[in-house]
Amino acid sequence: GAAPQGAVSVVVPPGSRGGATLSMTAHGRSFMVTVPQGLRAGDRFVATIPPPRGATVTPSDGAPRRGKLVTLPADFLQPPPAARSSDAAIDQQTALFLQHENRRRAAAAAAAASARGVGARAA
């Protein structure tokens, strides 16, 4: 069947499967969709076309809404730039942690060996 208004029927392209992100163009608009889990190449699903920026959304039940309609920025749900970590920063943090952990273990092993060595000389 045909996709409802505001949606588009999508066929999963070759080489793609559930969880893949696809770049699409429909009704003159470009947007990204995620293939639902469990689907593979050749399967069909319905993707919702996001409204254009600044578009007014009409409730599906047609009931009037109180309050002021505001438009949120596209990155509204993204963490602030300072909170984002790049792979390089994560790799650096991991390397520093492992370096510290190796030093701690080496110091503990040296202390244990020294304690054993002192005990052996005393005997």
N, C-alpha and C. Protein backbone atom coordinates (compact mmCIF):
# COMPACT_ATOMS: atom_id res chain seq x y z
N GLY A 1 0.80 -1.19 0.00
CA GLY A 1 0.00 0.00 0.00
C GLY A 1 0.84 1.25 0.00
N ALA A 2 0.17 2.35 -0.25
CA ALA A 2 0.85 3.65 -0.29
C ALA A 2 1.14 4.13 1.12
N ALA A 3 2.21 4.87 1.25
CA ALA A 3 2.58 5.44 2.55
C ALA A 3 1.64 6.59 2.86
N PRO A 4 1.34 6.82 4.15
CA PRO A 4 0.47 7.94 4.52
C PRO A 4 1.14 9.28 4.21
N GLN A 5 0.34 10.36 4.19
CA GLN A 5 0.89 11.69 3.94
C GLN A 5 1.94 12.00 5.01
N GLY A 6 3.07 12.61 4.61
CA GLY A 6 4.14 12.90 5.56
C GLY A 6 5.07 11.72 5.76
N ALA A 7 4.89 10.69 4.95
CA ALA A 7 5.73 9.49 5.06
C ALA A 7 6.09 9.02 3.66
N VAL A 8 7.08 8.17 3.58
CA VAL A 8 7.51 7.65 2.30
C VAL A 8 7.85 6.17 2.47
N SER A 9 7.50 5.37 1.48
CA SER A 9 7.83 3.95 1.49
C SER A 9 9.26 3.80 1.01
N VAL A 10 10.08 3.06 1.77
CA VAL A 10 11.50 2.91 1.47
C VAL A 10 11.82 1.43 1.29
N VAL A 11 12.60 1.11 0.26
CA VAL A 11 13.11 -0.24 0.06
C VAL A 11 14.57 -0.23 0.54
N VAL A 12 14.92 -1.15 1.43
CA VAL A 12 16.28 -1.23 1.95
C VAL A 12 17.21 -1.55 0.79
N PRO A 13 18.21 -0.68 0.53
CA PRO A 13 19.09 -0.90 -0.62
C PRO A 13 20.07 -2.04 -0.41
N PRO A 14 20.62 -2.59 -1.48
CA PRO A 14 21.62 -3.66 -1.36
C PRO A 14 22.79 -3.21 -0.49
N GLY A 15 23.26 -4.11 0.34
CA GLY A 15 24.39 -3.80 1.23
C GLY A 15 23.98 -3.15 2.53
N SER A 16 22.69 -2.86 2.72
CA SER A 16 22.20 -2.24 3.95
C SER A 16 21.37 -3.25 4.73
N ARG A 17 21.22 -2.98 6.03
CA ARG A 17 20.40 -3.84 6.90
C ARG A 17 19.92 -3.02 8.08
N GLY A 18 19.18 -3.65 8.99
CA GLY A 18 18.65 -2.97 10.16
C GLY A 18 19.72 -2.22 10.92
N GLY A 19 19.40 -0.98 11.32
CA GLY A 19 20.33 -0.14 12.06
C GLY A 19 21.12 0.80 11.16
N ALA A 20 21.15 0.55 9.85
CA ALA A 20 21.89 1.41 8.93
C ALA A 20 21.18 2.75 8.79
N THR A 21 21.95 3.81 8.57
CA THR A 21 21.39 5.14 8.34
C THR A 21 21.47 5.43 6.86
N LEU A 22 20.34 5.83 6.28
CA LEU A 22 20.27 6.11 4.85
C LEU A 22 20.01 7.59 4.64
N SER A 23 20.63 8.17 3.64
CA SER A 23 20.36 9.54 3.22
C SER A 23 19.34 9.46 2.10
N MET A 24 18.25 10.21 2.21
CA MET A 24 17.18 10.12 1.22
C MET A 24 16.75 11.50 0.75
N THR A 25 16.10 11.51 -0.38
CA THR A 25 15.43 12.71 -0.88
C THR A 25 14.03 12.29 -1.29
N ALA A 26 13.04 13.00 -0.76
CA ALA A 26 11.65 12.73 -1.11
C ALA A 26 10.87 14.05 -1.04
N HIS A 27 9.98 14.26 -1.97
CA HIS A 27 9.16 15.46 -2.01
C HIS A 27 10.02 16.71 -1.98
N GLY A 28 11.19 16.64 -2.65
CA GLY A 28 12.07 17.80 -2.73
C GLY A 28 12.87 18.09 -1.46
N ARG A 29 12.85 17.18 -0.51
CA ARG A 29 13.56 17.38 0.77
C ARG A 29 14.56 16.27 0.98
N SER A 30 15.73 16.59 1.54
CA SER A 30 16.73 15.59 1.89
C SER A 30 16.70 15.38 3.40
N PHE A 31 16.82 14.13 3.83
CA PHE A 31 16.80 13.81 5.26
C PHE A 31 17.41 12.44 5.47
N MET A 32 17.64 12.08 6.73
CA MET A 32 18.24 10.80 7.08
C MET A 32 17.17 9.91 7.72
N VAL A 33 17.22 8.61 7.43
CA VAL A 33 16.34 7.64 8.08
C VAL A 33 17.18 6.46 8.54
N THR A 34 16.72 5.80 9.59
CA THR A 34 17.39 4.61 10.10
C THR A 34 16.55 3.40 9.73
N VAL A 35 17.20 2.39 9.16
CA VAL A 35 16.51 1.15 8.78
C VAL A 35 16.14 0.41 10.06
N PRO A 36 14.87 0.03 10.25
CA PRO A 36 14.47 -0.69 11.45
C PRO A 36 15.23 -2.01 11.60
N GLN A 37 15.53 -2.37 12.85
CA GLN A 37 16.24 -3.62 13.14
C GLN A 37 15.47 -4.80 12.55
N GLY A 38 16.20 -5.79 12.10
CA GLY A 38 15.58 -7.00 11.58
C GLY A 38 15.33 -6.97 10.08
N LEU A 39 15.46 -5.79 9.46
CA LEU A 39 15.24 -5.70 8.00
C LEU A 39 16.57 -5.88 7.28
N ARG A 40 16.47 -6.33 6.02
CA ARG A 40 17.67 -6.49 5.20
C ARG A 40 17.35 -6.02 3.79
N ALA A 41 18.37 -6.05 2.93
CA ALA A 41 18.23 -5.55 1.55
C ALA A 41 16.98 -6.13 0.89
N GLY A 42 16.20 -5.25 0.25
CA GLY A 42 14.99 -5.66 -0.46
C GLY A 42 13.73 -5.53 0.38
N ASP A 43 13.85 -5.48 1.72
CA ASP A 43 12.67 -5.30 2.58
C ASP A 43 12.17 -3.86 2.45
N ARG A 44 10.91 -3.66 2.76
CA ARG A 44 10.28 -2.34 2.64
C ARG A 44 9.81 -1.87 4.02
N PHE A 45 9.95 -0.55 4.27
CA PHE A 45 9.41 0.04 5.50
C PHE A 45 8.94 1.45 5.19
N VAL A 46 8.16 2.03 6.12
CA VAL A 46 7.64 3.39 5.94
C VAL A 46 8.44 4.32 6.84
N ALA A 47 9.01 5.38 6.24
CA ALA A 47 9.78 6.38 6.98
C ALA A 47 8.96 7.66 7.05
N THR A 48 9.00 8.31 8.21
CA THR A 48 8.32 9.58 8.39
C THR A 48 9.21 10.70 7.87
N ILE A 49 8.65 11.57 7.05
CA ILE A 49 9.39 12.71 6.53
C ILE A 49 9.32 13.81 7.57
N PRO A 50 10.47 14.29 8.08
CA PRO A 50 10.42 15.34 9.09
C PRO A 50 9.86 16.62 8.49
N PRO A 51 9.13 17.40 9.31
CA PRO A 51 8.58 18.65 8.78
C PRO A 51 9.70 19.63 8.46
N PRO A 52 9.49 20.54 7.49
CA PRO A 52 10.52 21.52 7.18
C PRO A 52 10.78 22.42 8.39
N ARG A 53 11.99 22.96 8.47
CA ARG A 53 12.32 23.86 9.59
C ARG A 53 11.33 25.00 9.65
N GLY A 54 10.87 25.30 10.86
CA GLY A 54 9.95 26.41 11.05
C GLY A 54 8.52 26.07 10.68
N ALA A 55 8.23 24.82 10.34
CA ALA A 55 6.87 24.44 9.95
C ALA A 55 5.96 24.39 11.17
N THR A 56 4.72 24.74 10.98
CA THR A 56 3.73 24.66 12.04
C THR A 56 3.14 23.26 12.02
N VAL A 57 3.08 22.62 13.18
CA VAL A 57 2.55 21.27 13.28
C VAL A 57 1.11 21.34 13.74
N THR A 58 0.22 20.74 12.98
CA THR A 58 -1.19 20.70 13.34
C THR A 58 -1.46 19.37 14.04
N PRO A 59 -2.04 19.41 15.25
CA PRO A 59 -2.33 18.15 15.95
C PRO A 59 -3.23 17.27 15.10
N SER A 60 -3.00 15.96 15.14
CA SER A 60 -3.78 15.03 14.31
C SER A 60 -5.25 15.00 14.71
N ASP A 61 -5.53 15.32 15.98
CA ASP A 61 -6.94 15.30 16.40
C ASP A 61 -7.65 16.62 16.10
N GLY A 62 -6.90 17.62 15.60
CA GLY A 62 -7.51 18.90 15.24
C GLY A 62 -7.89 19.76 16.42
N ALA A 63 -7.63 19.32 17.65
CA ALA A 63 -8.01 20.08 18.84
C ALA A 63 -7.10 21.30 18.98
N PRO A 64 -7.68 22.43 19.38
CA PRO A 64 -6.84 23.63 19.57
C PRO A 64 -5.88 23.42 20.75
N ARG A 65 -4.71 24.00 20.66
CA ARG A 65 -3.71 23.90 21.72
C ARG A 65 -3.47 25.28 22.31
N ARG A 66 -3.37 25.33 23.62
CA ARG A 66 -3.05 26.59 24.29
C ARG A 66 -1.54 26.73 24.35
N GLY A 67 -1.10 27.95 24.46
CA GLY A 67 0.33 28.20 24.57
C GLY A 67 0.90 28.69 23.27
N LYS A 68 2.18 28.99 23.33
CA LYS A 68 2.88 29.54 22.17
C LYS A 68 3.68 28.45 21.49
N LEU A 69 3.55 28.34 20.19
CA LEU A 69 4.33 27.38 19.42
C LEU A 69 5.73 27.92 19.24
N VAL A 70 6.70 27.13 19.64
CA VAL A 70 8.10 27.54 19.47
C VAL A 70 8.79 26.56 18.54
N THR A 71 9.80 27.04 17.85
CA THR A 71 10.60 26.19 16.97
C THR A 71 11.93 25.95 17.66
N LEU A 72 12.23 24.69 17.88
CA LEU A 72 13.49 24.32 18.52
C LEU A 72 14.56 24.14 17.47
N PRO A 73 15.82 24.45 17.83
CA PRO A 73 16.89 24.24 16.85
C PRO A 73 17.06 22.76 16.53
N ALA A 74 17.62 22.46 15.36
CA ALA A 74 17.78 21.07 14.92
C ALA A 74 18.64 20.26 15.88
N ASP A 75 19.59 20.93 16.56
CA ASP A 75 20.48 20.21 17.47
C ASP A 75 20.00 20.25 18.92
N PHE A 76 18.70 20.50 19.12
CA PHE A 76 18.14 20.64 20.46
C PHE A 76 18.43 19.46 21.38
N LEU A 77 18.37 18.24 20.86
CA LEU A 77 18.57 17.05 21.68
C LEU A 77 20.03 16.60 21.73
N GLN A 78 20.93 17.35 21.12
CA GLN A 78 22.35 16.99 21.13
C GLN A 78 23.00 17.55 22.39
N PRO A 79 23.99 16.83 22.95
CA PRO A 79 24.70 17.39 24.10
C PRO A 79 25.47 18.63 23.67
N PRO A 80 25.75 19.55 24.60
CA PRO A 80 26.51 20.74 24.23
C PRO A 80 27.90 20.35 23.73
N PRO A 81 28.53 21.19 22.91
CA PRO A 81 29.83 20.85 22.32
C PRO A 81 30.87 20.42 23.36
N ALA A 82 30.89 21.05 24.53
CA ALA A 82 31.89 20.70 25.54
C ALA A 82 31.69 19.28 26.06
N ALA A 83 30.47 18.75 25.98
CA ALA A 83 30.19 17.42 26.51
C ALA A 83 30.52 16.33 25.50
N ARG A 84 30.68 16.69 24.24
CA ARG A 84 30.98 15.69 23.22
C ARG A 84 32.45 15.31 23.29
N SER A 85 32.74 14.04 23.18
CA SER A 85 34.12 13.57 23.17
C SER A 85 34.41 12.93 21.83
N SER A 86 35.54 13.29 21.27
CA SER A 86 35.93 12.65 20.02
C SER A 86 36.59 11.33 20.35
N ASP A 87 36.72 10.47 19.35
CA ASP A 87 37.39 9.19 19.55
C ASP A 87 38.81 9.40 20.03
N ALA A 88 39.49 10.43 19.51
CA ALA A 88 40.87 10.70 19.91
C ALA A 88 40.94 11.04 21.40
N ALA A 89 39.97 11.85 21.87
CA ALA A 89 39.97 12.21 23.29
C ALA A 89 39.70 10.99 24.16
N ILE A 90 38.79 10.14 23.73
CA ILE A 90 38.50 8.91 24.48
C ILE A 90 39.72 8.01 24.49
N ASP A 91 40.39 7.87 23.33
CA ASP A 91 41.60 7.06 23.25
C ASP A 91 42.69 7.61 24.17
N GLN A 92 42.81 8.94 24.23
CA GLN A 92 43.81 9.56 25.10
C GLN A 92 43.47 9.30 26.57
N GLN A 93 42.20 9.43 26.94
CA GLN A 93 41.79 9.16 28.31
C GLN A 93 42.07 7.72 28.68
N THR A 94 41.78 6.79 27.78
CA THR A 94 42.02 5.37 28.03
C THR A 94 43.52 5.12 28.19
N ALA A 95 44.34 5.72 27.34
CA ALA A 95 45.79 5.53 27.42
C ALA A 95 46.33 6.06 28.75
N LEU A 96 45.85 7.23 29.18
CA LEU A 96 46.31 7.78 30.46
C LEU A 96 45.90 6.89 31.62
N PHE A 97 44.68 6.37 31.59
CA PHE A 97 44.23 5.48 32.64
C PHE A 97 45.09 4.23 32.69
N LEU A 98 45.33 3.62 31.52
CA LEU A 98 46.14 2.39 31.48
C LEU A 98 47.57 2.66 31.94
N GLN A 99 48.11 3.81 31.57
CA GLN A 99 49.46 4.18 32.00
C GLN A 99 49.51 4.28 33.53
N HIS A 100 48.53 4.95 34.11
CA HIS A 100 48.45 5.08 35.57
C HIS A 100 48.29 3.71 36.23
N GLU A 101 47.42 2.88 35.66
CA GLU A 101 47.17 1.56 36.22
C GLU A 101 48.43 0.69 36.15
N ASN A 102 49.17 0.75 35.05
CA ASN A 102 50.41 -0.02 34.92
C ASN A 102 51.45 0.44 35.94
N ARG A 103 51.56 1.76 36.15
CA ARG A 103 52.50 2.27 37.16
C ARG A 103 52.11 1.78 38.56
N ARG A 104 50.81 1.81 38.86
CA ARG A 104 50.33 1.38 40.17
C ARG A 104 50.65 -0.10 40.39
N ARG A 105 50.37 -0.91 39.37
CA ARG A 105 50.65 -2.35 39.49
C ARG A 105 52.14 -2.63 39.63
N ALA A 106 52.97 -1.89 38.86
CA ALA A 106 54.42 -2.09 38.95
C ALA A 106 54.93 -1.70 40.33
N ALA A 107 54.41 -0.62 40.90
CA ALA A 107 54.82 -0.20 42.24
C ALA A 107 54.40 -1.23 43.29
N ALA A 108 53.19 -1.78 43.14
CA ALA A 108 52.72 -2.80 44.08
C ALA A 108 53.56 -4.06 43.97
N ALA A 109 53.92 -4.45 42.75
CA ALA A 109 54.75 -5.64 42.54
C ALA A 109 56.15 -5.42 43.11
N ALA A 110 56.71 -4.23 42.94
CA ALA A 110 58.04 -3.91 43.47
C ALA A 110 58.02 -3.94 44.98
N ALA A 111 56.96 -3.41 45.57
CA ALA A 111 56.85 -3.41 47.04
C ALA A 111 56.75 -4.84 47.56
N ALA A 112 55.98 -5.67 46.87
CA ALA A 112 55.83 -7.07 47.29
C ALA A 112 57.17 -7.80 47.16
N ALA A 113 57.89 -7.57 46.07
CA ALA A 113 59.20 -8.22 45.85
C ALA A 113 60.19 -7.74 46.90
N SER A 114 60.15 -6.46 47.21
CA SER A 114 61.05 -5.90 48.21
C SER A 114 60.77 -6.51 49.58
N ALA A 115 59.49 -6.66 49.88
CA ALA A 115 59.11 -7.27 51.17
C ALA A 115 59.58 -8.70 51.24
N ARG A 116 59.47 -9.43 50.15
CA ARG A 116 59.95 -10.82 50.12
C ARG A 116 61.47 -10.86 50.24
N GLY A 117 62.17 -9.92 49.56
CA GLY A 117 63.63 -9.86 49.60
C GLY A 117 64.15 -9.54 50.99
N VAL A 118 63.49 -8.63 51.69
CA VAL A 118 63.90 -8.26 53.06
C VAL A 118 63.71 -9.46 53.98
N GLY A 119 62.58 -10.15 53.80
CA GLY A 119 62.30 -11.32 54.63
C GLY A 119 63.31 -12.41 54.39
N ALA A 120 63.78 -12.57 53.17
CA ALA A 120 64.73 -13.65 52.84
C ALA A 120 66.10 -13.35 53.45
N ARG A 121 66.52 -12.05 53.46
CA ARG A 121 67.82 -11.69 54.03
C ARG A 121 67.81 -11.87 55.55
N ALA A 122 66.70 -11.62 56.17
CA ALA A 122 66.62 -11.71 57.62
C ALA A 122 66.68 -13.15 58.08
N ALA A 123 66.30 -14.10 57.26
CA ALA A 123 66.24 -15.49 57.67
C ALA A 123 67.57 -16.19 57.70
